[in-house]
Amino acid sequence: MENARILKRPIVTEKSTILGESGRYVFEVDTSATKRDIARAVEWAFDVKVVKVNTLTVPGKVKRYGRRPSKRPDWKKAIVSLSAGDSIQLFEGA
């Protein structure tokens, strides 16, 4: 899989900011990406060393459009742990 298409966006929430202080960063990733694909993409994009990748699939919510219930798409979240001393500047200045 192409590295540029794996990472969709960083997840910046209160919980992910707290994780960032301990060297763990959260991204929305492509649903078909594997842990190895995600690690390679983060190393390629930010020039850091990835130690561990945890993934989870977030189920889409059921919403109503008029009378009809509709389901938003499922998406995949990755929590990436970096080696000691590495950090991603994208999250530091936010």
N, C-alpha and C. Protein backbone atom coordinates (compact mmCIF):
# COMPACT_ATOMS: atom_id res chain seq x y z
N MET A 1 0.84 -1.18 0.00
CA MET A 1 0.00 0.00 0.00
C MET A 1 0.88 1.24 0.00
N GLU A 2 0.44 2.29 -0.65
CA GLU A 2 1.21 3.52 -0.77
C GLU A 2 1.21 4.28 0.56
N ASN A 3 2.40 4.69 1.01
CA ASN A 3 2.55 5.34 2.32
C ASN A 3 1.73 6.61 2.46
N ALA A 4 1.61 7.39 1.40
CA ALA A 4 0.90 8.66 1.48
C ALA A 4 -0.59 8.49 1.67
N ARG A 5 -1.15 7.36 1.28
CA ARG A 5 -2.59 7.15 1.39
C ARG A 5 -3.02 6.46 2.69
N ILE A 6 -2.08 5.98 3.47
CA ILE A 6 -2.43 5.24 4.68
C ILE A 6 -2.90 6.18 5.79
N LEU A 7 -2.14 7.23 6.08
CA LEU A 7 -2.50 8.18 7.14
C LEU A 7 -3.49 9.18 6.58
N LYS A 8 -4.68 9.25 7.17
CA LYS A 8 -5.70 10.19 6.70
C LYS A 8 -5.63 11.52 7.45
N ARG A 9 -5.62 11.45 8.78
CA ARG A 9 -5.55 12.69 9.57
C ARG A 9 -5.15 12.35 10.99
N PRO A 10 -4.55 13.30 11.71
CA PRO A 10 -4.27 13.07 13.12
C PRO A 10 -5.54 13.30 13.94
N ILE A 11 -5.68 12.57 15.01
CA ILE A 11 -6.81 12.74 15.92
C ILE A 11 -6.32 13.60 17.08
N VAL A 12 -6.88 14.79 17.21
CA VAL A 12 -6.46 15.71 18.28
C VAL A 12 -7.65 15.90 19.23
N THR A 13 -7.62 15.15 20.32
CA THR A 13 -8.62 15.25 21.37
C THR A 13 -7.90 15.41 22.70
N GLU A 14 -8.66 15.55 23.75
CA GLU A 14 -8.05 15.68 25.07
C GLU A 14 -7.28 14.41 25.44
N LYS A 15 -7.87 13.27 25.16
CA LYS A 15 -7.23 12.00 25.48
C LYS A 15 -5.97 11.78 24.64
N SER A 16 -6.04 12.11 23.34
CA SER A 16 -4.86 11.91 22.50
C SER A 16 -3.73 12.88 22.85
N THR A 17 -4.07 14.05 23.35
CA THR A 17 -3.06 15.00 23.79
C THR A 17 -2.32 14.48 25.01
N ILE A 18 -3.04 13.85 25.92
CA ILE A 18 -2.42 13.25 27.10
C ILE A 18 -1.52 12.09 26.69
N LEU A 19 -1.98 11.27 25.71
CA LEU A 19 -1.15 10.18 25.21
C LEU A 19 0.11 10.71 24.53
N GLY A 20 0.01 11.85 23.87
CA GLY A 20 1.15 12.44 23.18
C GLY A 20 2.28 12.81 24.12
N GLU A 21 1.96 13.12 25.35
CA GLU A 21 2.99 13.45 26.33
C GLU A 21 3.85 12.24 26.66
N SER A 22 3.31 11.03 26.48
CA SER A 22 4.07 9.81 26.76
C SER A 22 4.61 9.16 25.49
N GLY A 23 4.59 9.89 24.37
CA GLY A 23 5.17 9.37 23.14
C GLY A 23 4.25 8.49 22.32
N ARG A 24 2.94 8.61 22.53
CA ARG A 24 1.96 7.85 21.76
C ARG A 24 1.07 8.83 21.00
N TYR A 25 0.90 8.59 19.69
CA TYR A 25 0.15 9.50 18.84
C TYR A 25 -0.97 8.76 18.15
N VAL A 26 -2.09 9.44 17.90
CA VAL A 26 -3.30 8.82 17.37
C VAL A 26 -3.59 9.37 15.98
N PHE A 27 -3.88 8.44 15.04
CA PHE A 27 -4.19 8.81 13.66
C PHE A 27 -5.42 8.07 13.18
N GLU A 28 -6.16 8.69 12.27
CA GLU A 28 -7.17 7.97 11.50
C GLU A 28 -6.44 7.42 10.28
N VAL A 29 -6.61 6.11 10.02
CA VAL A 29 -5.87 5.46 8.94
C VAL A 29 -6.84 4.76 8.00
N ASP A 30 -6.32 4.32 6.86
CA ASP A 30 -7.10 3.57 5.89
C ASP A 30 -7.57 2.26 6.52
N THR A 31 -8.81 1.87 6.24
CA THR A 31 -9.38 0.68 6.88
C THR A 31 -8.69 -0.61 6.48
N SER A 32 -8.04 -0.64 5.32
CA SER A 32 -7.38 -1.87 4.89
C SER A 32 -5.90 -1.91 5.26
N ALA A 33 -5.39 -0.91 5.97
CA ALA A 33 -3.97 -0.85 6.32
C ALA A 33 -3.66 -1.79 7.48
N THR A 34 -2.52 -2.47 7.39
CA THR A 34 -2.07 -3.35 8.46
C THR A 34 -1.19 -2.56 9.42
N LYS A 35 -0.83 -3.18 10.55
CA LYS A 35 0.03 -2.51 11.52
C LYS A 35 1.40 -2.19 10.92
N ARG A 36 1.93 -3.10 10.12
CA ARG A 36 3.23 -2.85 9.48
C ARG A 36 3.13 -1.70 8.48
N ASP A 37 2.03 -1.64 7.73
CA ASP A 37 1.82 -0.52 6.79
C ASP A 37 1.78 0.81 7.54
N ILE A 38 1.08 0.83 8.65
CA ILE A 38 0.93 2.06 9.45
C ILE A 38 2.28 2.49 10.01
N ALA A 39 3.06 1.53 10.54
CA ALA A 39 4.37 1.85 11.09
C ALA A 39 5.28 2.42 10.01
N ARG A 40 5.29 1.81 8.82
CA ARG A 40 6.11 2.31 7.72
C ARG A 40 5.69 3.72 7.29
N ALA A 41 4.38 3.96 7.26
CA ALA A 41 3.88 5.26 6.83
C ALA A 41 4.26 6.37 7.83
N VAL A 42 4.18 6.07 9.12
CA VAL A 42 4.53 7.08 10.14
C VAL A 42 6.03 7.34 10.10
N GLU A 43 6.84 6.29 9.96
CA GLU A 43 8.29 6.48 9.87
C GLU A 43 8.66 7.27 8.62
N TRP A 44 7.96 7.02 7.51
CA TRP A 44 8.23 7.72 6.26
C TRP A 44 7.81 9.19 6.36
N ALA A 45 6.66 9.47 6.96
CA ALA A 45 6.12 10.83 6.98
C ALA A 45 6.82 11.73 7.99
N PHE A 46 7.20 11.18 9.15
CA PHE A 46 7.70 12.03 10.23
C PHE A 46 9.15 11.77 10.62
N ASP A 47 9.81 10.81 9.97
CA ASP A 47 11.21 10.48 10.23
C ASP A 47 11.45 10.16 11.71
N VAL A 48 10.67 9.21 12.23
CA VAL A 48 10.78 8.75 13.61
C VAL A 48 10.86 7.24 13.61
N LYS A 49 11.15 6.64 14.77
CA LYS A 49 11.21 5.19 14.92
C LYS A 49 9.98 4.71 15.68
N VAL A 50 9.17 3.86 15.02
CA VAL A 50 7.95 3.34 15.64
C VAL A 50 8.27 2.06 16.39
N VAL A 51 7.82 1.98 17.65
CA VAL A 51 8.05 0.80 18.47
C VAL A 51 6.85 -0.13 18.41
N LYS A 52 5.64 0.42 18.49
CA LYS A 52 4.43 -0.41 18.57
C LYS A 52 3.26 0.33 17.93
N VAL A 53 2.34 -0.45 17.35
CA VAL A 53 1.13 0.11 16.75
C VAL A 53 -0.07 -0.68 17.29
N ASN A 54 -1.03 0.03 17.85
CA ASN A 54 -2.30 -0.56 18.27
C ASN A 54 -3.38 -0.02 17.35
N THR A 55 -4.27 -0.89 16.87
CA THR A 55 -5.33 -0.45 15.98
C THR A 55 -6.69 -0.86 16.54
N LEU A 56 -7.71 -0.11 16.15
CA LEU A 56 -9.08 -0.47 16.48
C LEU A 56 -9.99 0.09 15.41
N THR A 57 -11.06 -0.63 15.13
CA THR A 57 -12.06 -0.19 14.17
C THR A 57 -13.20 0.46 14.93
N VAL A 58 -13.48 1.71 14.61
CA VAL A 58 -14.53 2.46 15.27
C VAL A 58 -15.81 2.30 14.45
N PRO A 59 -16.86 1.73 15.02
CA PRO A 59 -18.09 1.56 14.25
C PRO A 59 -18.79 2.89 14.00
N GLY A 60 -19.35 3.04 12.81
CA GLY A 60 -20.05 4.27 12.46
C GLY A 60 -21.37 4.39 13.21
N LYS A 61 -21.76 5.61 13.50
CA LYS A 61 -23.00 5.85 14.23
C LYS A 61 -24.20 5.73 13.30
N VAL A 62 -25.32 5.38 13.88
CA VAL A 62 -26.58 5.35 13.13
C VAL A 62 -27.24 6.72 13.30
N LYS A 63 -27.46 7.41 12.20
CA LYS A 63 -28.08 8.73 12.20
C LYS A 63 -29.37 8.67 11.41
N ARG A 64 -30.25 9.65 11.64
CA ARG A 64 -31.50 9.71 10.89
C ARG A 64 -31.45 10.86 9.91
N TYR A 65 -31.89 10.58 8.68
CA TYR A 65 -32.06 11.61 7.67
C TYR A 65 -33.54 11.60 7.31
N GLY A 66 -34.30 12.51 7.91
CA GLY A 66 -35.75 12.49 7.77
C GLY A 66 -36.28 11.28 8.51
N ARG A 67 -37.02 10.42 7.83
CA ARG A 67 -37.54 9.21 8.46
C ARG A 67 -36.55 8.06 8.42
N ARG A 68 -35.68 8.11 7.44
CA ARG A 68 -34.79 6.97 7.20
C ARG A 68 -33.60 6.95 8.14
N PRO A 69 -33.34 5.85 8.80
CA PRO A 69 -32.08 5.73 9.53
C PRO A 69 -30.96 5.38 8.54
N SER A 70 -29.79 5.96 8.76
CA SER A 70 -28.65 5.71 7.89
C SER A 70 -27.43 5.51 8.78
N LYS A 71 -26.45 4.77 8.29
CA LYS A 71 -25.27 4.47 9.08
C LYS A 71 -24.06 5.16 8.47
N ARG A 72 -23.33 5.86 9.32
CA ARG A 72 -22.07 6.46 8.88
C ARG A 72 -21.04 5.34 8.73
N PRO A 73 -20.04 5.54 7.89
CA PRO A 73 -19.07 4.47 7.65
C PRO A 73 -18.19 4.19 8.86
N ASP A 74 -17.76 2.92 8.99
CA ASP A 74 -16.79 2.55 10.00
C ASP A 74 -15.44 3.14 9.61
N TRP A 75 -14.58 3.40 10.60
CA TRP A 75 -13.25 3.92 10.33
C TRP A 75 -12.25 3.29 11.28
N LYS A 76 -10.98 3.38 10.92
CA LYS A 76 -9.94 2.72 11.68
C LYS A 76 -9.05 3.75 12.36
N LYS A 77 -8.73 3.49 13.62
CA LYS A 77 -7.88 4.36 14.42
C LYS A 77 -6.61 3.61 14.77
N ALA A 78 -5.48 4.29 14.74
CA ALA A 78 -4.20 3.69 15.10
C ALA A 78 -3.53 4.53 16.18
N ILE A 79 -3.07 3.86 17.23
CA ILE A 79 -2.30 4.50 18.29
C ILE A 79 -0.86 4.04 18.11
N VAL A 80 0.03 4.99 17.80
CA VAL A 80 1.41 4.67 17.44
C VAL A 80 2.33 5.08 18.58
N SER A 81 3.12 4.11 19.08
CA SER A 81 4.10 4.40 20.13
C SER A 81 5.47 4.60 19.49
N LEU A 82 6.13 5.68 19.86
CA LEU A 82 7.45 6.00 19.31
C LEU A 82 8.54 5.64 20.31
N SER A 83 9.76 5.48 19.81
CA SER A 83 10.89 5.19 20.69
C SER A 83 11.19 6.42 21.55
N ALA A 84 11.90 6.19 22.63
CA ALA A 84 12.20 7.27 23.57
C ALA A 84 13.02 8.35 22.86
N GLY A 85 12.65 9.59 23.09
CA GLY A 85 13.36 10.71 22.49
C GLY A 85 12.75 11.21 21.19
N ASP A 86 11.93 10.40 20.53
CA ASP A 86 11.28 10.82 19.29
C ASP A 86 9.97 11.51 19.61
N SER A 87 9.61 12.49 18.78
CA SER A 87 8.32 13.16 18.90
C SER A 87 7.90 13.66 17.53
N ILE A 88 6.62 13.93 17.38
CA ILE A 88 6.10 14.44 16.12
C ILE A 88 5.74 15.90 16.35
N GLN A 89 6.35 16.80 15.59
CA GLN A 89 6.18 18.24 15.79
C GLN A 89 4.78 18.72 15.47
N LEU A 90 4.05 17.96 14.65
CA LEU A 90 2.69 18.33 14.27
C LEU A 90 1.80 18.49 15.51
N PHE A 91 2.01 17.64 16.51
CA PHE A 91 1.19 17.66 17.72
C PHE A 91 1.74 18.61 18.77
N GLU A 92 3.01 18.93 18.72
CA GLU A 92 3.63 19.73 19.77
C GLU A 92 3.15 21.17 19.79
N GLY A 93 2.95 21.78 18.63
CA GLY A 93 2.59 23.19 18.59
C GLY A 93 1.10 23.44 18.49
N ALA A 94 0.27 22.41 18.64
CA ALA A 94 -1.17 22.57 18.45
C ALA A 94 -1.84 23.29 19.55
